[in-house]
C-alpha atoms as a PDB file:
ATOM      1  CA  MET A   1     216.218 -96.086 -36.863  1.00  0.00           C
ATOM      2  CA  LYS A   2     215.282 -92.433 -37.324  1.00  0.00           C
ATOM      3  CA  LEU A   3     212.453 -91.333 -39.607  1.00  0.00           C
ATOM      4  CA  VAL A   4     213.856 -91.604 -43.122  1.00  0.00           C
ATOM      5  CA  ASN A   5     214.053 -88.785 -45.642  1.00  0.00           C
ATOM      6  CA  GLY A   6     211.531 -89.257 -48.455  1.00  0.00           C
ATOM      7  CA  PHE A   7     214.147 -89.110 -51.218  1.00  0.00           C
ATOM      8  CA  LYS A   8     216.167 -91.868 -49.544  1.00  0.00           C
ATOM      9  CA  LEU A   9     213.021 -93.905 -48.980  1.00  0.00           C
ATOM     10  CA  MET A  10     212.149 -93.761 -52.673  1.00  0.00           C
ATOM     11  CA  GLU A  11     215.718 -94.636 -53.648  1.00  0.00           C
ATOM     12  CA  TYR A  12     215.521 -97.670 -51.366  1.00  0.00           C
ATOM     13  CA  ALA A  13     212.215 -98.718 -52.933  1.00  0.00           C
ATOM     14  CA  LYS A  14     213.552 -98.395 -56.478  1.00  0.00           C
ATOM     15  CA  ARG A  15     216.720-100.293 -55.633  1.00  0.00           C
ATOM     16  CA  ASN A  16     214.712-103.164 -54.154  1.00  0.00           C
ATOM     17  CA  ASN A  17     211.836-103.054 -56.672  1.00  0.00           C
ATOM     18  CA  LEU A  18     209.238-102.201 -54.016  1.00  0.00           C
ATOM     19  CA  VAL A  19     206.034-100.178 -53.836  1.00  0.00           C
ATOM     20  CA  LEU A  20     205.787 -97.994 -50.739  1.00  0.00           C
ATOM     21  CA  PRO A  21     202.491 -98.059 -48.842  1.00  0.00           C
ATOM     22  CA  ALA A  22     201.477 -94.851 -47.067  1.00  0.00           C
ATOM     23  CA  PHE A  23     199.194 -95.575 -44.121  1.00  0.00           C
ATOM     24  CA  ASN A  24     196.998 -92.820 -42.704  1.00  0.00           C
ATOM     25  CA  THR A  25     197.122 -92.153 -38.991  1.00  0.00           C
ATOM     26  CA  THR A  26     194.985 -89.960 -36.778  1.00  0.00           C
ATOM     27  CA  ASN A  27     196.298 -90.520 -33.276  1.00  0.00           C
ATOM     28  CA  LEU A  28     198.921 -92.199 -31.111  1.00  0.00           C
ATOM     29  CA  GLU A  29     197.451 -95.701 -31.360  1.00  0.00           C
ATOM     30  CA  MET A  30     197.221 -95.682 -35.150  1.00  0.00           C
ATOM     31  CA  THR A  31     200.760 -94.307 -35.452  1.00  0.00           C
ATOM     32  CA  TYR A  32     202.330 -97.019 -33.301  1.00  0.00           C
ATOM     33  CA  ALA A  33     200.255 -99.686 -35.045  1.00  0.00           C
ATOM     34  CA  ILE A  34     201.398 -98.616 -38.525  1.00  0.00           C
ATOM     35  CA  ALA A  35     205.048 -98.575 -37.519  1.00  0.00           C
ATOM     36  CA  ASP A  36     204.660-101.988 -35.896  1.00  0.00           C
ATOM     37  CA  GLY A  37     203.024-103.467 -39.002  1.00  0.00           C
ATOM     38  CA  LEU A  38     205.839-102.265 -41.256  1.00  0.00           C
ATOM     39  CA  MET A  39     208.451-103.569 -38.828  1.00  0.00           C
ATOM     40  CA  ARG A  40     206.748-106.977 -38.625  1.00  0.00           C
ATOM     41  CA  ALA A  41     206.798-107.223 -42.397  1.00  0.00           C
ATOM     42  CA  ASN A  42     210.338-105.836 -42.566  1.00  0.00           C
ATOM     43  CA  LEU A  43     209.220-103.701 -45.484  1.00  0.00           C
ATOM     44  CA  PRO A  44     209.447 -99.909 -45.924  1.00  0.00           C
ATOM     45  CA  GLY A  45     206.627 -97.397 -46.079  1.00  0.00           C
ATOM     46  CA  TYR A  46     205.200 -94.165 -44.731  1.00  0.00           C
ATOM     47  CA  ILE A  47     203.235 -93.128 -41.721  1.00  0.00           C
ATOM     48  CA  GLN A  48     201.121 -90.274 -43.045  1.00  0.00           C
ATOM     49  CA  ILE A  49     198.553 -87.829 -41.714  1.00  0.00           C
ATOM     50  CA  SER A  50     196.335 -85.361 -43.538  1.00  0.00           C
ATOM     51  CA  SER A  51     195.825 -81.706 -42.745  1.00  0.00           C
ATOM     52  CA  ASN A  52     192.275 -82.602 -41.733  1.00  0.00           C
ATOM     53  CA  ASN A  53     193.393 -85.180 -39.154  1.00  0.00           C
ATOM     54  CA  LEU A  54     195.925 -82.780 -37.675  1.00  0.00           C
ATOM     55  CA  ARG A  55     192.954 -81.001 -36.114  1.00  0.00           C
ATOM     56  CA  LEU A  56     193.139 -83.610 -33.338  1.00  0.00           C
ATOM     57  CA  SER A  57     196.799 -82.937 -32.592  1.00  0.00           C
ATOM     58  CA  ASN A  58     199.449 -80.904 -34.395  1.00  0.00           C
ATOM     59  CA  PRO A  59     202.501 -81.604 -36.578  1.00  0.00           C
ATOM     60  CA  GLY A  60     204.918 -81.488 -33.661  1.00  0.00           C
ATOM     61  CA  ILE A  61     203.028 -84.052 -31.601  1.00  0.00           C
ATOM     62  CA  ILE A  62     202.604 -86.469 -34.519  1.00  0.00           C
ATOM     63  CA  ALA A  63     206.264 -86.110 -35.516  1.00  0.00           C
ATOM     64  CA  GLU A  64     207.361 -86.861 -31.944  1.00  0.00           C
ATOM     65  CA  ILE A  65     205.096 -89.916 -31.694  1.00  0.00           C
ATOM     66  CA  ALA A  66     206.222 -91.201 -35.112  1.00  0.00           C
ATOM     67  CA  ALA A  67     209.894 -90.729 -34.239  1.00  0.00           C
ATOM     68  CA  ASP A  68     209.412 -92.764 -31.071  1.00  0.00           C
ATOM     69  CA  ALA A  69     207.384 -95.423 -32.907  1.00  0.00           C
ATOM     70  CA  VAL A  70     210.214 -96.176 -35.360  1.00  0.00           C
ATOM     71  CA  LYS A  71     213.101 -96.197 -32.870  1.00  0.00           C
ATOM     72  CA  LYS A  72     213.350 -99.990 -32.930  1.00  0.00           C
ATOM     73  CA  SER A  73     212.851-100.244 -36.696  1.00  0.00           C
ATOM     74  CA  GLU A  74     215.468-101.772 -38.955  1.00  0.00           C
ATOM     75  CA  THR A  75     213.451-100.982 -42.066  1.00  0.00           C
ATOM     76  CA  PRO A  76     213.066 -97.454 -43.512  1.00  0.00           C
ATOM     77  CA  ILE A  77     209.913 -95.580 -42.500  1.00  0.00           C
ATOM     78  CA  GLY A  78     209.097 -91.994 -43.431  1.00  0.00           C
ATOM     79  CA  LEU A  79     206.591 -89.436 -42.121  1.00  0.00           C
ATOM     80  CA  HIS A  80     204.432 -87.875 -44.826  1.00  0.00           C
ATOM     81  CA  LEU A  81     201.906 -85.039 -44.907  1.00  0.00           C
ATOM     82  CA  ASP A  82     198.921 -86.308 -46.894  1.00  0.00           C
ATOM     83  CA  HIS A  83     196.616 -83.805 -48.625  1.00  0.00           C
ATOM     84  CA  GLY A  84     198.358 -80.728 -47.293  1.00  0.00           C
ATOM     85  CA  LYS A  85     195.717 -78.054 -47.762  1.00  0.00           C
ATOM     86  CA  SER A  86     197.816 -74.924 -47.370  1.00  0.00           C
ATOM     87  CA  PHE A  87     201.368 -73.644 -47.502  1.00  0.00           C
ATOM     88  CA  GLU A  88     201.072 -72.947 -43.776  1.00  0.00           C
ATOM     89  CA  ASP A  89     200.391 -76.651 -43.132  1.00  0.00           C
ATOM     90  CA  VAL A  90     203.329 -77.622 -45.330  1.00  0.00           C
ATOM     91  CA  LYS A  91     205.659 -75.235 -43.504  1.00  0.00           C
ATOM     92  CA  ALA A  92     204.471 -76.417 -40.078  1.00  0.00           C
ATOM     93  CA  CYS A  93     205.096 -80.059 -40.989  1.00  0.00           C
ATOM     94  CA  ILE A  94     208.548 -79.400 -42.415  1.00  0.00           C
ATOM     95  CA  ASP A  95     209.460 -77.408 -39.325  1.00  0.00           C
ATOM     96  CA  ALA A  96     208.181 -80.268 -37.116  1.00  0.00           C
ATOM     97  CA  GLY A  97     210.367 -82.875 -38.823  1.00  0.00           C
ATOM     98  CA  PHE A  98     208.166 -84.520 -41.458  1.00  0.00           C
ATOM     99  CA  THR A  99     210.307 -86.235 -44.083  1.00  0.00           C
ATOM    100  CA  SER A 100     207.914 -86.062 -47.061  1.00  0.00           C
ATOM    101  CA  ILE A 101     205.164 -83.651 -48.097  1.00  0.00           C
ATOM    102  CA  MET A 102     202.066 -83.571 -50.280  1.00  0.00           C
ATOM    103  CA  ILE A 103     200.551 -80.257 -51.274  1.00  0.00           C
ATOM    104  CA  ASP A 104     197.020 -80.759 -52.576  1.00  0.00           C
ATOM    105  CA  ALA A 105     195.794 -77.897 -54.718  1.00  0.00           C
ATOM    106  CA  SER A 106     194.081 -80.183 -57.252  1.00  0.00           C
ATOM    107  CA  HIS A 107     190.727 -78.483 -56.628  1.00  0.00           C
ATOM    108  CA  LEU A 108     192.103 -75.249 -58.085  1.00  0.00           C
ATOM    109  CA  PRO A 109     192.386 -74.285 -61.768  1.00  0.00           C
ATOM    110  CA  PHE A 110     195.573 -75.541 -63.446  1.00  0.00           C
ATOM    111  CA  GLU A 111     197.666 -72.379 -63.131  1.00  0.00           C
ATOM    112  CA  GLU A 112     196.694 -71.838 -59.486  1.00  0.00           C
ATOM    113  CA  ASN A 113     197.421 -75.488 -58.721  1.00  0.00           C
ATOM    114  CA  VAL A 114     200.857 -75.040 -60.284  1.00  0.00           C
ATOM    115  CA  LYS A 115     201.513 -71.853 -58.313  1.00  0.00           C
ATOM    116  CA  GLU A 116     200.656 -73.402 -54.944  1.00  0.00           C
ATOM    117  CA  CYS A 117     202.653 -76.544 -55.657  1.00  0.00           C
ATOM    118  CA  ARG A 118     205.684 -74.567 -56.804  1.00  0.00           C
ATOM    119  CA  ARG A 119     205.665 -72.496 -53.623  1.00  0.00           C
ATOM    120  CA  ALA A 120     205.554 -75.644 -51.500  1.00  0.00           C
ATOM    121  CA  ALA A 121     208.250 -77.356 -53.574  1.00  0.00           C
ATOM    122  CA  ASP A 122     210.632 -74.422 -53.294  1.00  0.00           C
ATOM    123  CA  TYR A 123     210.299 -74.412 -49.508  1.00  0.00           C
ATOM    124  CA  CYS A 124     210.568 -78.188 -49.098  1.00  0.00           C
ATOM    125  CA  HIS A 125     213.505 -78.557 -51.461  1.00  0.00           C
ATOM    126  CA  PHE A 126     215.456 -76.000 -49.416  1.00  0.00           C
ATOM    127  CA  TYR A 127     215.355 -78.598 -46.632  1.00  0.00           C
ATOM    128  CA  GLY A 128     215.918 -81.559 -48.962  1.00  0.00           C
ATOM    129  CA  ILE A 129     212.356 -82.893 -48.592  1.00  0.00           C
ATOM    130  CA  PRO A 130     210.394 -84.319 -51.584  1.00  0.00           C
ATOM    131  CA  VAL A 131     207.008 -82.997 -52.642  1.00  0.00           C
ATOM    132  CA  GLU A 132     204.003 -84.859 -54.013  1.00  0.00           C
ATOM    133  CA  ALA A 133     201.457 -82.946 -56.096  1.00  0.00           C
ATOM    134  CA  GLU A 134     198.115 -84.040 -57.550  1.00  0.00           C
ATOM    135  CA  LEU A 135     196.694 -83.609 -61.044  1.00  0.00           C
ATOM    136  CA  GLY A 136     193.103 -84.781 -61.492  1.00  0.00           C
ATOM    137  CA  ALA A 137     190.388 -85.571 -58.941  1.00  0.00           C
ATOM    138  CA  LEU A 138     189.078 -88.736 -57.297  1.00  0.00           C
ATOM    139  CA  ARG A 139     185.473 -89.656 -56.601  1.00  0.00           C
ATOM    140  CA  GLY A 140     184.450 -90.608 -53.085  1.00  0.00           C
ATOM    141  CA  LYS A 141     184.997 -89.242 -49.582  1.00  0.00           C
ATOM    142  CA  GLU A 142     188.405 -88.005 -48.543  1.00  0.00           C
ATOM    143  CA  GLU A 143     188.242 -86.957 -44.887  1.00  0.00           C
ATOM    144  CA  ASP A 144     185.287 -84.506 -44.687  1.00  0.00           C
ATOM    145  CA  ILE A 145     185.128 -83.771 -48.401  1.00  0.00           C
ATOM    146  CA  VAL A 146     182.764 -85.669 -50.683  1.00  0.00           C
ATOM    147  CA  ASN A 147     183.505 -85.516 -54.393  1.00  0.00           C
ATOM    148  CA  GLU A 148     180.918 -87.023 -56.729  1.00  0.00           C
ATOM    149  CA  ALA A 149     182.691 -86.093 -59.936  1.00  0.00           C
ATOM    150  CA  GLU A 150     185.684 -87.907 -61.360  1.00  0.00           C
ATOM    151  CA  CYS A 151     188.266 -85.980 -63.337  1.00  0.00           C
ATOM    152  CA  LYS A 152     190.918 -88.330 -64.628  1.00  0.00           C
ATOM    153  CA  THR A 153     194.426 -87.033 -65.073  1.00  0.00           C
ATOM    154  CA  ASP A 154     194.914 -85.593 -68.550  1.00  0.00           C
ATOM    155  CA  PRO A 155     198.180 -86.961 -70.026  1.00  0.00           C
ATOM    156  CA  ASP A 156     198.518 -83.859 -72.184  1.00  0.00           C
ATOM    157  CA  MET A 157     198.897 -81.721 -69.050  1.00  0.00           C
ATOM    158  CA  VAL A 158     201.355 -83.954 -67.207  1.00  0.00           C
ATOM    159  CA  ALA A 159     204.686 -82.804 -68.662  1.00  0.00           C
ATOM    160  CA  GLU A 160     203.900 -79.125 -68.153  1.00  0.00           C
ATOM    161  CA  PHE A 161     202.562 -79.708 -64.641  1.00  0.00           C
ATOM    162  CA  VAL A 162     205.577 -81.693 -63.478  1.00  0.00           C
ATOM    163  CA  GLU A 163     208.008 -79.205 -65.011  1.00  0.00           C
ATOM    164  CA  LYS A 164     206.327 -76.083 -63.624  1.00  0.00           C
ATOM    165  CA  THR A 165     205.599 -77.407 -60.132  1.00  0.00           C
ATOM    166  CA  GLY A 166     208.956 -79.061 -59.559  1.00  0.00           C
ATOM    167  CA  CYS A 167     207.138 -81.935 -57.845  1.00  0.00           C
ATOM    168  CA  ASP A 168     209.004 -85.152 -57.076  1.00  0.00           C
ATOM    169  CA  THR A 169     206.035 -87.534 -57.304  1.00  0.00           C
ATOM    170  CA  LEU A 170     202.698 -87.170 -59.070  1.00  0.00           C
ATOM    171  CA  ALA A 171     199.392 -88.362 -57.609  1.00  0.00           C
ATOM    172  CA  VAL A 172     197.092 -89.346 -60.472  1.00  0.00           C
ATOM    173  CA  SER A 173     193.420 -90.089 -61.027  1.00  0.00           C
ATOM    174  CA  VAL A 174     193.011 -93.190 -63.180  1.00  0.00           C
ATOM    175  CA  GLY A 175     189.816 -94.718 -61.787  1.00  0.00           C
ATOM    176  CA  ASN A 176     190.997 -94.947 -58.184  1.00  0.00           C
ATOM    177  CA  VAL A 177     188.517 -93.723 -55.560  1.00  0.00           C
ATOM    178  CA  HIS A 178     188.487 -92.573 -51.941  1.00  0.00           C
ATOM    179  CA  GLY A 179     186.712 -94.685 -49.327  1.00  0.00           C
ATOM    180  CA  LEU A 180     185.123 -98.138 -49.275  1.00  0.00           C
ATOM    181  CA  CYS A 181     181.719 -97.283 -50.774  1.00  0.00           C
ATOM    182  CA  LEU A 182     182.843 -97.165 -54.422  1.00  0.00           C
ATOM    183  CA  ASN A 183     184.548 -99.777 -56.562  1.00  0.00           C
ATOM    184  CA  PRO A 184     187.844 -98.664 -58.122  1.00  0.00           C
ATOM    185  CA  GLN A 185     188.227 -99.332 -61.838  1.00  0.00           C
ATOM    186  CA  ILE A 186     191.872 -98.694 -62.572  1.00  0.00           C
ATOM    187  CA  ASP A 187     192.626 -97.602 -66.138  1.00  0.00           C
ATOM    188  CA  ILE A 188     196.002 -99.267 -66.652  1.00  0.00           C
ATOM    189  CA  PRO A 189     196.442 -98.014 -70.259  1.00  0.00           C
ATOM    190  CA  LEU A 190     195.957 -94.443 -68.995  1.00  0.00           C
ATOM    191  CA  LEU A 191     198.451 -95.032 -66.186  1.00  0.00           C
ATOM    192  CA  GLU A 192     200.919 -96.431 -68.704  1.00  0.00           C
ATOM    193  CA  LYS A 193     200.499 -93.378 -70.930  1.00  0.00           C
ATOM    194  CA  ILE A 194     201.005 -90.990 -68.010  1.00  0.00           C
ATOM    195  CA  ASN A 195     204.114 -92.876 -66.933  1.00  0.00           C
ATOM    196  CA  GLN A 196     205.611 -92.543 -70.411  1.00  0.00           C
ATOM    197  CA  ILE A 197     205.244 -88.775 -70.124  1.00  0.00           C
ATOM    198  CA  SER A 198     205.961 -88.102 -66.465  1.00  0.00           C
ATOM    199  CA  LYS A 199     209.550 -87.514 -65.384  1.00  0.00           C
ATOM    200  CA  VAL A 200     208.659 -88.412 -61.786  1.00  0.00           C
ATOM    201  CA  PRO A 201     207.237 -91.568 -60.159  1.00  0.00           C
ATOM    202  CA  LEU A 202     203.477 -91.949 -59.735  1.00  0.00           C
ATOM    203  CA  VAL A 203     201.227 -92.221 -56.687  1.00  0.00           C
ATOM    204  CA  LEU A 204     197.779 -93.794 -56.288  1.00  0.00           C
ATOM    205  CA  HIS A 205     195.436 -92.559 -53.602  1.00  0.00           C
ATOM    206  CA  GLY A 206     192.518 -94.730 -52.496  1.00  0.00           C
ATOM    207  CA  GLY A 207     194.426 -98.019 -52.288  1.00  0.00           C
ATOM    208  CA  SER A 208     191.745 -99.708 -50.200  1.00  0.00           C
ATOM    209  CA  GLY A 209     189.743-101.970 -52.494  1.00  0.00           C
ATOM    210  CA  ILE A 210     192.241-102.138 -55.377  1.00  0.00           C
ATOM    211  CA  PRO A 211     193.015-105.811 -56.149  1.00  0.00           C
ATOM    212  CA  LYS A 212     196.616-106.852 -55.632  1.00  0.00           C
ATOM    213  CA  GLU A 213     196.948-107.980 -59.249  1.00  0.00           C
ATOM    214  CA  VAL A 214     196.102-104.449 -60.396  1.00  0.00           C
ATOM    215  CA  ILE A 215     198.693-102.974 -58.049  1.00  0.00           C
ATOM    216  CA  TRP A 216     201.314-105.393 -59.370  1.00  0.00           C
ATOM    217  CA  GLU A 217     200.471-104.268 -62.902  1.00  0.00           C
ATOM    218  CA  ALA A 218     200.561-100.600 -61.905  1.00  0.00           C
ATOM    219  CA  LYS A 219     204.020-101.184 -60.455  1.00  0.00           C
ATOM    220  CA  LYS A 220     205.233-101.849 -63.995  1.00  0.00           C
ATOM    221  CA  HIS A 221     204.068 -98.360 -64.988  1.00  0.00           C
ATOM    222  CA  GLY A 222     205.797 -96.036 -62.553  1.00  0.00           C
ATOM    223  CA  LEU A 223     203.861 -96.637 -59.327  1.00  0.00           C
ATOM    224  CA  ILE A 224     206.080 -96.010 -56.312  1.00  0.00           C
ATOM    225  CA  LYS A 225     203.555 -95.137 -53.569  1.00  0.00           C
ATOM    226  CA  ILE A 226     200.002 -96.183 -52.762  1.00  0.00           C
ATOM    227  CA  ASN A 227     197.843 -94.739 -49.975  1.00  0.00           C
ATOM    228  CA  TYR A 228     195.736 -96.714 -47.511  1.00  0.00           C
ATOM    229  CA  GLY A 229     193.373 -95.140 -45.004  1.00  0.00           C
ATOM    230  CA  SER A 230     189.955 -96.767 -44.919  1.00  0.00           C
ATOM    231  CA  ASP A 231     191.187-100.351 -44.467  1.00  0.00           C
ATOM    232  CA  LEU A 232     193.151 -99.498 -41.326  1.00  0.00           C
ATOM    233  CA  ARG A 233     190.561 -97.144 -39.838  1.00  0.00           C
ATOM    234  CA  LYS A 234     187.902 -99.809 -40.271  1.00  0.00           C
ATOM    235  CA  GLU A 235     189.966-102.240 -38.177  1.00  0.00           C
ATOM    236  CA  PHE A 236     190.452 -99.604 -35.478  1.00  0.00           C
ATOM    237  CA  VAL A 237     186.784 -98.598 -35.267  1.00  0.00           C
ATOM    238  CA  LYS A 238     185.561-102.194 -35.489  1.00  0.00           C
ATOM    239  CA  THR A 239     187.415-103.160 -32.325  1.00  0.00           C
ATOM    240  CA  PHE A 240     185.536-100.606 -30.240  1.00  0.00           C
ATOM    241  CA  GLY A 241     182.259-101.123 -32.082  1.00  0.00           C
ATOM    242  CA  GLN A 242     182.188-104.857 -31.474  1.00  0.00           C
ATOM    243  CA  ALA A 243     182.998-104.394 -27.798  1.00  0.00           C
ATOM    244  CA  TYR A 244     180.155-101.902 -27.409  1.00  0.00           C
ATOM    245  CA  GLU A 245     177.674-104.138 -29.199  1.00  0.00           C
ATOM    246  CA  GLU A 246     178.606-107.005 -26.891  1.00  0.00           C
ATOM    247  CA  ASN A 247     178.379-104.845 -23.776  1.00  0.00           C
ATOM    248  CA  HIS A 248     176.841-101.366 -23.750  1.00  0.00           C
ATOM    249  CA  ASN A 249     178.578-100.741 -20.415  1.00  0.00           C
ATOM    250  CA  GLU A 250     182.057-101.469 -21.802  1.00  0.00           C
ATOM    251  CA  TYR A 251     184.575 -98.920 -20.530  1.00  0.00           C
ATOM    252  CA  ASP A 252     187.979-100.639 -20.638  1.00  0.00           C
ATOM    253  CA  VAL A 253     189.703 -98.182 -22.959  1.00  0.00           C
ATOM    254  CA  ILE A 254     193.266 -99.395 -22.423  1.00  0.00           C
ATOM    255  CA  HIS A 255     192.660-103.028 -23.308  1.00  0.00           C
ATOM    256  CA  LEU A 256     190.487-102.113 -26.276  1.00  0.00           C
ATOM    257  CA  SER A 257     193.154 -99.672 -27.463  1.00  0.00           C
ATOM    258  CA  ILE A 258     195.832-102.356 -27.225  1.00  0.00           C
ATOM    259  CA  GLU A 259     193.571-104.729 -29.153  1.00  0.00           C
ATOM    260  CA  ALA A 260     192.897-102.040 -31.778  1.00  0.00           C
ATOM    261  CA  VAL A 261     196.636-101.444 -32.206  1.00  0.00           C
ATOM    262  CA  GLU A 262     197.116-105.155 -32.797  1.00  0.00           C
ATOM    263  CA  GLU A 263     194.366-105.281 -35.430  1.00  0.00           C
ATOM    264  CA  VAL A 264     195.655-102.220 -37.299  1.00  0.00           C
ATOM    265  CA  SER A 265     199.228-103.537 -37.148  1.00  0.00           C
ATOM    266  CA  ARG A 266     198.097-106.860 -38.584  1.00  0.00           C
ATOM    267  CA  LYS A 267     196.284-105.109 -41.443  1.00  0.00           C
ATOM    268  CA  ALA A 268     199.277-102.887 -42.237  1.00  0.00           C
ATOM    269  CA  GLN A 269     201.564-105.926 -42.310  1.00  0.00           C
ATOM    270  CA  GLU A 270     199.115-107.749 -44.576  1.00  0.00           C
ATOM    271  CA  LEU A 271     198.845-104.861 -47.037  1.00  0.00           C
ATOM    272  CA  VAL A 272     202.543-104.015 -47.351  1.00  0.00           C
ATOM    273  CA  THR A 273     203.313-107.706 -47.846  1.00  0.00           C
ATOM    274  CA  MET A 274     200.526-108.133 -50.407  1.00  0.00           C
ATOM    275  CA  ILE A 275     201.582-105.271 -52.672  1.00  0.00           C
ATOM    276  CA  ASN A 276     205.185-106.455 -52.702  1.00  0.00           C
ATOM    277  CA  GLU A 277     204.796-110.227 -52.968  1.00  0.00           C
ATOM    278  CA  HIS A 278     204.941-110.200 -56.765  1.00  0.00           C
END
């Protein structure tokens, strides 16, 4: 199967009452592992990469790897830009063949956030690609950026933001956090209120650490996509770390890489199954 357009992927999820996981990749091994995990589970989702992680490759390389990774898939898998930091990154990913885009201008004042998101949406929609935008801020570490302040999404700003940006999904801050060092405290009543106002489905970043029961509840209130990065990266790094601790002269990169792919695939399969077993 080819990489699936984000609009079609969301339609598939809605039709089958599913939440779509979006798993962060960095390199070839992680990309193949994520695709394999989704295929093993026979459940849909996204391979995604952030602007920050594209420093190690480029949109064209990741798109080519992802397209090859899903060739044998019989379940829909999309390729998403996570935390796109500039219009230039958005354009490069669209041109490379990404099937879904996030523009992250949430660090900017409201009107500037709207302006940047609208520009990205206009470009992406020309090619029939959906756009995710973010309103609010999460505590924790996202890539190289550490944010110690939490700014929950203000429901009173949601309708205007969605209308003016033209976004197709809305990433919200409702007590979710980035990384594994903080405990998420999801405010379900706030999520419910936002969902009643928002005309588009909702997205949670920082899925690692959120109990499955909370995700099942969030699913009742507009959640269509949830991001996972730390859980999978931990499995990847752990494989090499354990081998080094056991033998400081370890150098067998190929076998360790194959083992790491297996561990990440297993975790991806576990997570996509968990969020959709209820």
